[in-house]
């Protein structure tokens, strides 16, 4: 996977997240929509983390392909 692919996925996930939120301005989300919004948040965190890993590896002279998607239990502990 290339950096541009990760950035494209971030854009796709963000657009979906925004669609869900815009569709329910002033109205609560259904349980399924809440679950999907929460899934999107985790997927976005994983994508941003993977992109950061790849960039850090590249700066360190390492192969960016050595970066890997980390589990939600890891990326959800990061401070925003």
Protein backbone atom coordinates (compact mmCIF):
# COMPACT_ATOMS: atom_id res chain seq x y z
CA UNK A 1 0.00 0.00 0.00
CA UNK A 2 1.32 3.43 -0.93
CA UNK A 3 0.97 6.62 1.12
CA UNK A 4 -1.44 8.01 -1.46
CA UNK A 5 -3.66 4.95 -0.99
CA UNK A 6 -3.75 5.53 2.76
CA UNK A 7 -4.56 9.23 2.25
CA UNK A 8 -7.36 8.25 -0.17
CA UNK A 9 -8.77 5.82 2.40
CA UNK A 10 -8.64 8.55 5.06
CA UNK A 11 -10.62 10.78 2.70
CA UNK A 12 -13.20 8.07 2.02
CA UNK A 13 -13.66 7.24 5.72
CA UNK A 14 -13.87 10.92 6.67
CA UNK A 15 -16.50 11.56 4.00
CA UNK A 16 -18.60 8.67 5.31
CA UNK A 17 -18.25 9.94 8.88
CA UNK A 18 -19.35 13.41 7.81
CA UNK A 19 -22.33 12.02 5.87
CA UNK A 20 -23.53 10.18 8.96
CA UNK A 21 -23.15 13.26 11.14
CA UNK A 22 -24.76 15.68 8.64
CA UNK A 23 -27.73 13.39 8.12
CA UNK A 24 -28.56 13.59 11.82
CA UNK A 25 -27.95 17.19 12.83
CA UNK A 26 -30.28 17.83 15.76
CA UNK A 27 -31.39 14.20 15.82
CA UNK A 28 -29.68 11.33 17.56
CA UNK A 29 -28.01 8.52 15.68
CA UNK A 30 -29.49 5.05 15.60
CA UNK A 31 -27.53 2.32 17.38
CA UNK A 32 -26.26 1.05 14.01
CA UNK A 33 -25.15 4.53 12.97
CA UNK A 34 -23.45 5.10 16.32
CA UNK A 35 -21.64 1.79 15.98
CA UNK A 36 -20.55 2.65 12.43
CA UNK A 37 -19.37 6.13 13.48
CA UNK A 38 -17.31 4.53 16.24
CA UNK A 39 -15.87 1.98 13.77
CA UNK A 40 -14.94 4.81 11.42
CA UNK A 41 -13.13 6.63 14.22
CA UNK A 42 -11.00 3.54 14.92
CA UNK A 43 -10.30 2.94 11.22
CA UNK A 44 -9.25 6.56 10.82
CA UNK A 45 -6.92 6.31 13.81
CA UNK A 46 -5.38 3.18 12.31
CA UNK A 47 -4.89 4.86 8.93
CA UNK A 48 -3.28 7.96 10.44
CA UNK A 49 -1.02 5.77 12.57
CA UNK A 50 0.02 3.68 9.56
CA UNK A 51 0.78 6.82 7.56
CA UNK A 52 2.85 8.22 10.45
CA UNK A 53 4.76 4.93 10.77
CA UNK A 54 5.55 4.90 7.06
CA UNK A 55 6.78 8.49 7.13
CA UNK A 56 8.90 7.87 10.22
CA UNK A 57 10.46 4.77 8.69
CA UNK A 58 11.23 6.68 5.50
CA UNK A 59 12.87 9.52 7.48
CA UNK A 60 14.95 6.94 9.37
CA UNK A 61 16.17 5.42 6.10
CA UNK A 62 14.06 2.29 6.58
CA UNK A 63 11.64 0.63 4.21
CA UNK A 64 8.16 2.12 4.73
CA UNK A 65 6.69 -1.24 3.74
CA UNK A 66 7.77 -2.48 7.16
CA UNK A 67 4.98 -0.44 8.75
CA UNK A 68 1.91 -2.37 9.84
CA UNK A 69 -1.64 -1.59 10.88
CA UNK A 70 -1.78 -1.64 14.66
CA UNK A 71 -4.77 -3.05 16.54
CA UNK A 72 -7.47 -0.75 17.90
CA UNK A 73 -6.27 -1.44 21.45
CA UNK A 74 -3.01 0.32 20.56
CA UNK A 75 -4.17 3.26 18.44
CA UNK A 76 -7.08 4.12 20.71
CA UNK A 77 -4.70 4.83 23.59
CA UNK A 78 -2.93 7.67 21.73
CA UNK A 79 -3.47 11.16 23.04
CA UNK A 80 -5.16 13.48 20.56
